[in-house]
Amino acid sequence: MSMLLKARRQGGRSAALEASLGLGLGVEQRSRRRLGWLLGLPLCLGLGMGANLAWHWVNLKPQQLRHEITEPTPLPYGPSETPARFLTRALPAPPAPVVEPDAPTGGDGQTAAMDLDGVSADLASRFQAALAAQAQQPESAAIPEQAHGEISGVVPLSALPDTIARRVPPLSYRSHVFSSDPSKRVVNLNGMDRYEGDEVAPGVVLLQILPEGAILRVAGQSFSLEALTDWPGVS
């Protein structure tokens, strides 16, 4: 009996050992299969793609075909044999210029042509008085173009005799201002502003300032000097 129990125990141990060995072998086989799939699938995909590319490279190579044209191909365009016709039209005539009527002269006409609405009575009366005074001024009040005749015996400075010209020192004519108001006439001689009646140099008096020059006098002789013209003197 004891021997039988002992044999059963040994048989059970051997069966458990075989079962454990079989389980270990099954796990190892499954791991090998998984590894085979993991390695085989990319390999198969790579081989398939390579085969596909090789087939396309061999069978679908770009081909170069050469065609020779024996006759010239006509162009889709060419010179037209029909003469061109242009339709021209004259430009419209420019509108006639509008001629405005001349503005009335005189104080009454100018006042009537101006709108003085909104202007104070004092300012309007002053304006009318100024217009009336301007209308009463004679036309001869304009600036004379040449006034040499106002002083008799006037000759150019360069035409004076040497005995008189020696008395005129060198003059540097730097500026010239002429105005209808004699008080505003001024010239600059030798760096000094001179007015009518001033003594420019010893014995030389500025008599009058003209639009184009000045009249001076030395030793009783009147002479003219053009504006901005220097006098070097007589050596």
C-alpha atoms as a PDB file:
ATOM      1  CA  MET A   1       0.000   0.000   0.000  1.00  0.00           C
ATOM      2  CA  SER A   2       2.766   2.391   0.889  1.00  0.00           C
ATOM      3  CA  MET A   3       4.550   1.526  -2.260  1.00  0.00           C
ATOM      4  CA  LEU A   4       1.437   2.281  -4.280  1.00  0.00           C
ATOM      5  CA  LEU A   5       1.029   5.674  -2.650  1.00  0.00           C
ATOM      6  CA  LYS A   6       4.649   6.446  -3.267  1.00  0.00           C
ATOM      7  CA  ALA A   7       4.325   5.508  -6.949  1.00  0.00           C
ATOM      8  CA  ARG A   8       1.287   7.806  -7.275  1.00  0.00           C
ATOM      9  CA  ARG A   9       3.154  10.692  -5.743  1.00  0.00           C
ATOM     10  CA  GLN A  10       6.062  10.195  -8.080  1.00  0.00           C
ATOM     11  CA  GLY A  11       3.665   9.964 -11.030  1.00  0.00           C
ATOM     12  CA  GLY A  12       1.950  13.157  -9.966  1.00  0.00           C
ATOM     13  CA  ARG A  13       5.257  14.977  -9.682  1.00  0.00           C
ATOM     14  CA  SER A  14       6.362  13.831 -13.134  1.00  0.00           C
ATOM     15  CA  ALA A  15       3.018  14.906 -14.624  1.00  0.00           C
ATOM     16  CA  ALA A  16       3.259  18.332 -13.003  1.00  0.00           C
ATOM     17  CA  LEU A  17       6.807  18.653 -14.248  1.00  0.00           C
ATOM     18  CA  GLU A  18       5.763  17.706 -17.766  1.00  0.00           C
ATOM     19  CA  ALA A  19       2.853  20.114 -17.616  1.00  0.00           C
ATOM     20  CA  SER A  20       5.107  22.949 -16.486  1.00  0.00           C
ATOM     21  CA  LEU A  21       7.602  22.103 -19.196  1.00  0.00           C
ATOM     22  CA  GLY A  22       4.844  22.036 -21.799  1.00  0.00           C
ATOM     23  CA  LEU A  23       3.490  25.375 -20.589  1.00  0.00           C
ATOM     24  CA  GLY A  24       6.935  26.912 -20.806  1.00  0.00           C
ATOM     25  CA  LEU A  25       7.448  25.548 -24.301  1.00  0.00           C
ATOM     26  CA  GLY A  26       4.032  26.927 -25.396  1.00  0.00           C
ATOM     27  CA  VAL A  27       4.855  30.414 -24.149  1.00  0.00           C
ATOM     28  CA  GLU A  28       8.199  30.340 -25.899  1.00  0.00           C
ATOM     29  CA  GLN A  29       6.594  29.211 -29.149  1.00  0.00           C
ATOM     30  CA  ARG A  30       3.967  31.948 -28.973  1.00  0.00           C
ATOM     31  CA  SER A  31       6.656  34.597 -28.384  1.00  0.00           C
ATOM     32  CA  ARG A  32       8.596  33.292 -31.372  1.00  0.00           C
ATOM     33  CA  ARG A  33       5.487  33.457 -33.547  1.00  0.00           C
ATOM     34  CA  ARG A  34       4.828  37.053 -32.517  1.00  0.00           C
ATOM     35  CA  LEU A  35       8.408  37.989 -33.233  1.00  0.00           C
ATOM     36  CA  GLY A  36       8.143  36.335 -36.612  1.00  0.00           C
ATOM     37  CA  TRP A  37       5.023  38.327 -37.453  1.00  0.00           C
ATOM     38  CA  LEU A  38       6.563  41.568 -36.296  1.00  0.00           C
ATOM     39  CA  LEU A  39       9.644  40.997 -38.407  1.00  0.00           C
ATOM     40  CA  GLY A  40       7.983  39.346 -41.355  1.00  0.00           C
ATOM     41  CA  LEU A  41       5.221  41.901 -41.972  1.00  0.00           C
ATOM     42  CA  PRO A  42       7.551  44.900 -42.597  1.00  0.00           C
ATOM     43  CA  LEU A  43       9.809  42.662 -44.626  1.00  0.00           C
ATOM     44  CA  CYS A  44       6.915  41.572 -46.818  1.00  0.00           C
ATOM     45  CA  LEU A  45       5.746  45.166 -47.258  1.00  0.00           C
ATOM     46  CA  GLY A  46       9.261  46.267 -48.217  1.00  0.00           C
ATOM     47  CA  LEU A  47       9.646  43.423 -50.709  1.00  0.00           C
ATOM     48  CA  GLY A  48       6.269  44.214 -52.245  1.00  0.00           C
ATOM     49  CA  MET A  49       7.045  47.904 -52.657  1.00  0.00           C
ATOM     50  CA  GLY A  50      10.444  47.136 -54.119  1.00  0.00           C
ATOM     51  CA  ALA A  51       8.932  44.724 -56.609  1.00  0.00           C
ATOM     52  CA  ASN A  52       6.300  47.282 -57.586  1.00  0.00           C
ATOM     53  CA  LEU A  53       8.893  50.027 -58.121  1.00  0.00           C
ATOM     54  CA  ALA A  54      11.096  47.667 -60.119  1.00  0.00           C
ATOM     55  CA  TRP A  55       8.187  46.732 -62.379  1.00  0.00           C
ATOM     56  CA  HIS A  56       7.247  50.349 -62.990  1.00  0.00           C
ATOM     57  CA  TRP A  57      10.859  51.331 -63.635  1.00  0.00           C
ATOM     58  CA  VAL A  58      11.240  48.622 -66.238  1.00  0.00           C
ATOM     59  CA  ASN A  59       7.876  48.859 -67.984  1.00  0.00           C
ATOM     60  CA  LEU A  60       7.076  52.581 -67.617  1.00  0.00           C
ATOM     61  CA  LYS A  61      10.329  54.250 -68.697  1.00  0.00           C
ATOM     62  CA  PRO A  62       9.894  57.709 -70.310  1.00  0.00           C
ATOM     63  CA  GLN A  63      10.113  57.347 -74.063  1.00  0.00           C
ATOM     64  CA  GLN A  64      11.441  59.986 -76.445  1.00  0.00           C
ATOM     65  CA  LEU A  65       9.789  60.029 -79.836  1.00  0.00           C
ATOM     66  CA  ARG A  66      11.087  62.161 -82.694  1.00  0.00           C
ATOM     67  CA  HIS A  67       8.741  63.375 -85.386  1.00  0.00           C
ATOM     68  CA  GLU A  68      10.044  65.100 -88.489  1.00  0.00           C
ATOM     69  CA  ILE A  69       7.759  67.620 -90.203  1.00  0.00           C
ATOM     70  CA  THR A  70       8.266  67.530 -93.939  1.00  0.00           C
ATOM     71  CA  GLU A  71       5.951  70.451 -94.719  1.00  0.00           C
ATOM     72  CA  PRO A  72       5.874  73.811 -92.922  1.00  0.00           C
ATOM     73  CA  THR A  73       2.937  74.242 -90.656  1.00  0.00           C
ATOM     74  CA  PRO A  74       0.865  77.340 -91.507  1.00  0.00           C
ATOM     75  CA  LEU A  75       0.663  79.925 -88.770  1.00  0.00           C
ATOM     76  CA  PRO A  76      -2.745  80.685 -87.271  1.00  0.00           C
ATOM     77  CA  TYR A  77      -2.267  84.380 -88.112  1.00  0.00           C
ATOM     78  CA  GLY A  78      -0.930  86.355 -91.031  1.00  0.00           C
ATOM     79  CA  PRO A  79      -1.052  89.714 -92.785  1.00  0.00           C
ATOM     80  CA  SER A  80      -4.516  90.869 -93.685  1.00  0.00           C
ATOM     81  CA  GLU A  81      -5.186  91.624 -97.316  1.00  0.00           C
ATOM     82  CA  THR A  82      -8.192  93.806 -96.510  1.00  0.00           C
ATOM     83  CA  PRO A  83      -7.172  97.442 -95.954  1.00  0.00           C
ATOM     84  CA  ALA A  84      -8.083  98.803 -92.562  1.00  0.00           C
ATOM     85  CA  ARG A  85     -10.620 101.555 -92.332  1.00  0.00           C
ATOM     86  CA  PHE A  86     -10.614 104.186 -89.640  1.00  0.00           C
ATOM     87  CA  LEU A  87     -13.561 106.315 -88.726  1.00  0.00           C
ATOM     88  CA  THR A  88     -12.481 109.788 -87.665  1.00  0.00           C
ATOM     89  CA  ARG A  89     -14.622 112.459 -86.158  1.00  0.00           C
ATOM     90  CA  ALA A  90     -13.853 116.110 -85.636  1.00  0.00           C
ATOM     91  CA  LEU A  91     -13.416 117.314 -82.107  1.00  0.00           C
ATOM     92  CA  PRO A  92     -16.214 119.483 -80.776  1.00  0.00           C
ATOM     93  CA  ALA A  93     -15.617 123.184 -81.071  1.00  0.00           C
ATOM     94  CA  PRO A  94     -14.435 124.823 -77.853  1.00  0.00           C
ATOM     95  CA  PRO A  95     -16.991 126.955 -76.093  1.00  0.00           C
ATOM     96  CA  ALA A  96     -16.893 130.628 -76.827  1.00  0.00           C
ATOM     97  CA  PRO A  97     -15.084 132.675 -74.188  1.00  0.00           C
ATOM     98  CA  VAL A  98     -17.316 134.502 -71.808  1.00  0.00           C
ATOM     99  CA  VAL A  99     -16.643 138.223 -72.000  1.00  0.00           C
ATOM    100  CA  GLU A 100     -17.299 139.839 -68.687  1.00  0.00           C
ATOM    101  CA  PRO A 101     -18.395 143.466 -68.700  1.00  0.00           C
ATOM    102  CA  ASP A 102     -15.835 145.989 -67.638  1.00  0.00           C
ATOM    103  CA  ALA A 103     -15.994 146.937 -64.010  1.00  0.00           C
ATOM    104  CA  PRO A 104     -17.325 150.454 -63.500  1.00  0.00           C
ATOM    105  CA  THR A 105     -14.736 153.020 -62.551  1.00  0.00           C
ATOM    106  CA  GLY A 106     -15.113 155.729 -59.960  1.00  0.00           C
ATOM    107  CA  GLY A 107     -16.178 155.715 -56.372  1.00  0.00           C
ATOM    108  CA  ASP A 108     -19.943 155.293 -57.002  1.00  0.00           C
ATOM    109  CA  GLY A 109     -19.521 152.442 -59.487  1.00  0.00           C
ATOM    110  CA  GLN A 110     -17.067 150.514 -57.337  1.00  0.00           C
ATOM    111  CA  THR A 111     -19.251 150.944 -54.270  1.00  0.00           C
ATOM    112  CA  ALA A 112     -22.273 149.692 -56.193  1.00  0.00           C
ATOM    113  CA  ALA A 113     -20.347 146.644 -57.518  1.00  0.00           C
ATOM    114  CA  MET A 114     -19.286 145.631 -53.991  1.00  0.00           C
ATOM    115  CA  ASP A 115     -21.537 144.003 -51.466  1.00  0.00           C
ATOM    116  CA  LEU A 116     -21.306 145.952 -48.207  1.00  0.00           C
ATOM    117  CA  ASP A 117     -23.919 143.932 -46.357  1.00  0.00           C
ATOM    118  CA  GLY A 118     -22.830 143.173 -42.835  1.00  0.00           C
ATOM    119  CA  VAL A 119     -20.238 145.989 -42.808  1.00  0.00           C
ATOM    120  CA  SER A 120     -20.535 148.649 -40.163  1.00  0.00           C
ATOM    121  CA  ALA A 121     -21.645 152.124 -41.242  1.00  0.00           C
ATOM    122  CA  ASP A 122     -18.388 153.706 -40.036  1.00  0.00           C
ATOM    123  CA  LEU A 123     -16.243 151.299 -42.059  1.00  0.00           C
ATOM    124  CA  ALA A 124     -18.441 151.688 -45.125  1.00  0.00           C
ATOM    125  CA  SER A 125     -18.198 155.491 -44.965  1.00  0.00           C
ATOM    126  CA  ARG A 126     -14.411 155.329 -44.670  1.00  0.00           C
ATOM    127  CA  PHE A 127     -14.231 153.004 -47.618  1.00  0.00           C
ATOM    128  CA  GLN A 128     -16.380 155.286 -49.757  1.00  0.00           C
ATOM    129  CA  ALA A 129     -14.268 158.284 -48.786  1.00  0.00           C
ATOM    130  CA  ALA A 130     -11.094 156.455 -49.800  1.00  0.00           C
ATOM    131  CA  LEU A 131     -12.616 155.531 -53.162  1.00  0.00           C
ATOM    132  CA  ALA A 132     -13.698 159.107 -53.750  1.00  0.00           C
ATOM    133  CA  ALA A 133     -10.228 160.430 -52.910  1.00  0.00           C
ATOM    134  CA  GLN A 134      -8.632 157.898 -55.248  1.00  0.00           C
ATOM    135  CA  ALA A 135     -10.977 158.896 -58.071  1.00  0.00           C
ATOM    136  CA  GLN A 136     -10.101 162.573 -57.636  1.00  0.00           C
ATOM    137  CA  GLN A 137      -6.349 161.979 -57.954  1.00  0.00           C
ATOM    138  CA  PRO A 138      -5.064 163.112 -61.361  1.00  0.00           C
ATOM    139  CA  GLU A 139      -3.402 160.562 -63.614  1.00  0.00           C
ATOM    140  CA  SER A 140      -0.266 162.700 -63.677  1.00  0.00           C
ATOM    141  CA  ALA A 141       0.515 161.533 -60.136  1.00  0.00           C
ATOM    142  CA  ALA A 142       2.092 158.364 -61.539  1.00  0.00           C
ATOM    143  CA  ILE A 143       5.821 157.851 -61.137  1.00  0.00           C
ATOM    144  CA  PRO A 144       7.653 159.583 -63.960  1.00  0.00           C
ATOM    145  CA  GLU A 145       9.802 157.366 -66.125  1.00  0.00           C
ATOM    146  CA  GLN A 146      12.520 159.967 -66.558  1.00  0.00           C
ATOM    147  CA  ALA A 147      13.018 163.030 -64.399  1.00  0.00           C
ATOM    148  CA  HIS A 148      16.366 164.292 -65.646  1.00  0.00           C
ATOM    149  CA  GLY A 149      14.684 167.407 -66.985  1.00  0.00           C
ATOM    150  CA  GLU A 150      13.650 168.581 -63.529  1.00  0.00           C
ATOM    151  CA  ILE A 151      17.245 169.671 -62.854  1.00  0.00           C
ATOM    152  CA  SER A 152      18.981 171.558 -65.615  1.00  0.00           C
ATOM    153  CA  GLY A 153      22.518 170.870 -66.729  1.00  0.00           C
ATOM    154  CA  VAL A 154      22.640 167.214 -65.651  1.00  0.00           C
ATOM    155  CA  VAL A 155      25.363 165.159 -67.375  1.00  0.00           C
ATOM    156  CA  PRO A 156      26.640 161.668 -66.613  1.00  0.00           C
ATOM    157  CA  LEU A 157      29.425 161.480 -64.069  1.00  0.00           C
ATOM    158  CA  SER A 158      31.731 159.829 -66.566  1.00  0.00           C
ATOM    159  CA  ALA A 159      31.261 162.835 -68.941  1.00  0.00           C
ATOM    160  CA  LEU A 160      32.373 165.468 -66.425  1.00  0.00           C
ATOM    161  CA  PRO A 161      35.636 167.308 -67.058  1.00  0.00           C
ATOM    162  CA  ASP A 162      38.599 165.893 -65.170  1.00  0.00           C
ATOM    163  CA  THR A 163      38.924 168.998 -63.050  1.00  0.00           C
ATOM    164  CA  ILE A 164      35.384 168.476 -61.680  1.00  0.00           C
ATOM    165  CA  ALA A 165      35.409 164.654 -61.701  1.00  0.00           C
ATOM    166  CA  ARG A 166      38.511 164.664 -59.443  1.00  0.00           C
ATOM    167  CA  ARG A 167      36.423 166.282 -56.704  1.00  0.00           C
ATOM    168  CA  VAL A 168      34.110 163.232 -56.600  1.00  0.00           C
ATOM    169  CA  PRO A 169      35.692 160.523 -54.426  1.00  0.00           C
ATOM    170  CA  PRO A 170      35.221 156.812 -55.202  1.00  0.00           C
ATOM    171  CA  LEU A 171      31.617 155.777 -54.599  1.00  0.00           C
ATOM    172  CA  SER A 172      30.353 152.253 -53.853  1.00  0.00           C
ATOM    173  CA  TYR A 173      26.714 152.094 -54.918  1.00  0.00           C
ATOM    174  CA  ARG A 174      25.300 149.184 -52.863  1.00  0.00           C
ATOM    175  CA  SER A 175      21.506 149.645 -52.807  1.00  0.00           C
ATOM    176  CA  HIS A 176      18.824 151.778 -54.441  1.00  0.00           C
ATOM    177  CA  VAL A 177      15.235 152.293 -53.217  1.00  0.00           C
ATOM    178  CA  PHE A 178      12.850 154.525 -55.153  1.00  0.00           C
ATOM    179  CA  SER A 179       9.339 155.462 -54.013  1.00  0.00           C
ATOM    180  CA  SER A 180       6.657 157.910 -55.041  1.00  0.00           C
ATOM    181  CA  ASP A 181       7.035 159.328 -51.552  1.00  0.00           C
ATOM    182  CA  PRO A 182      10.307 161.343 -51.503  1.00  0.00           C
ATOM    183  CA  SER A 183      10.777 160.661 -47.807  1.00  0.00           C
ATOM    184  CA  LYS A 184      11.067 156.921 -48.506  1.00  0.00           C
ATOM    185  CA  ARG A 185      13.708 157.232 -51.225  1.00  0.00           C
ATOM    186  CA  VAL A 186      17.132 156.060 -50.058  1.00  0.00           C
ATOM    187  CA  VAL A 187      20.411 154.898 -51.557  1.00  0.00           C
ATOM    188  CA  ASN A 188      23.417 153.297 -49.935  1.00  0.00           C
ATOM    189  CA  LEU A 189      26.718 154.893 -50.894  1.00  0.00           C
ATOM    190  CA  ASN A 190      29.982 153.768 -49.323  1.00  0.00           C
ATOM    191  CA  GLY A 191      28.071 151.736 -46.716  1.00  0.00           C
ATOM    192  CA  MET A 192      25.860 154.657 -45.558  1.00  0.00           C
ATOM    193  CA  ASP A 193      22.145 155.221 -46.264  1.00  0.00           C
ATOM    194  CA  ARG A 194      21.686 158.594 -47.925  1.00  0.00           C
ATOM    195  CA  TYR A 195      18.488 160.566 -48.509  1.00  0.00           C
ATOM    196  CA  GLU A 196      17.757 163.465 -50.824  1.00  0.00           C
ATOM    197  CA  GLY A 197      19.646 166.572 -49.598  1.00  0.00           C
ATOM    198  CA  ASP A 198      22.361 164.617 -47.715  1.00  0.00           C
ATOM    199  CA  GLU A 199      26.062 165.309 -48.264  1.00  0.00           C
ATOM    200  CA  VAL A 200      27.537 162.082 -49.625  1.00  0.00           C
ATOM    201  CA  ALA A 201      31.161 163.281 -49.443  1.00  0.00           C
ATOM    202  CA  PRO A 202      32.852 166.597 -48.778  1.00  0.00           C
ATOM    203  CA  GLY A 203      31.389 168.946 -51.401  1.00  0.00           C
ATOM    204  CA  VAL A 204      29.169 166.236 -52.987  1.00  0.00           C
ATOM    205  CA  VAL A 205      25.398 166.577 -52.317  1.00  0.00           C
ATOM    206  CA  LEU A 206      22.659 164.107 -53.239  1.00  0.00           C
ATOM    207  CA  LEU A 207      20.013 166.218 -54.990  1.00  0.00           C
ATOM    208  CA  GLN A 208      17.431 163.686 -56.171  1.00  0.00           C
ATOM    209  CA  ILE A 209      16.848 159.907 -56.315  1.00  0.00           C
ATOM    210  CA  LEU A 210      15.369 158.750 -59.627  1.00  0.00           C
ATOM    211  CA  PRO A 211      13.907 155.361 -60.620  1.00  0.00           C
ATOM    212  CA  GLU A 212      17.087 154.439 -62.495  1.00  0.00           C
ATOM    213  CA  GLY A 213      19.760 156.355 -60.615  1.00  0.00           C
ATOM    214  CA  ALA A 214      20.589 159.477 -58.638  1.00  0.00           C
ATOM    215  CA  ILE A 215      21.469 163.108 -59.331  1.00  0.00           C
ATOM    216  CA  LEU A 216      24.310 164.664 -57.362  1.00  0.00           C
ATOM    217  CA  ARG A 217      26.111 168.041 -57.438  1.00  0.00           C
ATOM    218  CA  VAL A 218      29.707 169.031 -56.922  1.00  0.00           C
ATOM    219  CA  ALA A 219      31.242 172.479 -57.437  1.00  0.00           C
ATOM    220  CA  GLY A 220      27.932 173.787 -58.844  1.00  0.00           C
ATOM    221  CA  GLN A 221      27.785 171.079 -61.486  1.00  0.00           C
ATOM    222  CA  SER A 222      24.948 168.510 -61.440  1.00  0.00           C
ATOM    223  CA  PHE A 223      25.691 164.995 -62.663  1.00  0.00           C
ATOM    224  CA  SER A 224      23.871 161.637 -62.763  1.00  0.00           C
ATOM    225  CA  LEU A 225      25.000 158.237 -61.560  1.00  0.00           C
ATOM    226  CA  GLU A 226      23.205 155.053 -62.618  1.00  0.00           C
ATOM    227  CA  ALA A 227      21.795 152.854 -59.880  1.00  0.00           C
ATOM    228  CA  LEU A 228      24.168 150.217 -58.440  1.00  0.00           C
ATOM    229  CA  THR A 229      27.067 151.570 -60.513  1.00  0.00           C
ATOM    230  CA  ASP A 230      30.293 152.172 -58.644  1.00  0.00           C
ATOM    231  CA  TRP A 231      32.524 155.177 -59.337  1.00  0.00           C
ATOM    232  CA  PRO A 232      36.230 154.330 -59.090  1.00  0.00           C
ATOM    233  CA  GLY A 233      37.301 157.956 -59.036  1.00  0.00           C
ATOM    234  CA  VAL A 234      39.886 159.763 -61.159  1.00  0.00           C
ATOM    235  CA  SER A 235      43.477 158.854 -60.405  1.00  0.00           C
END
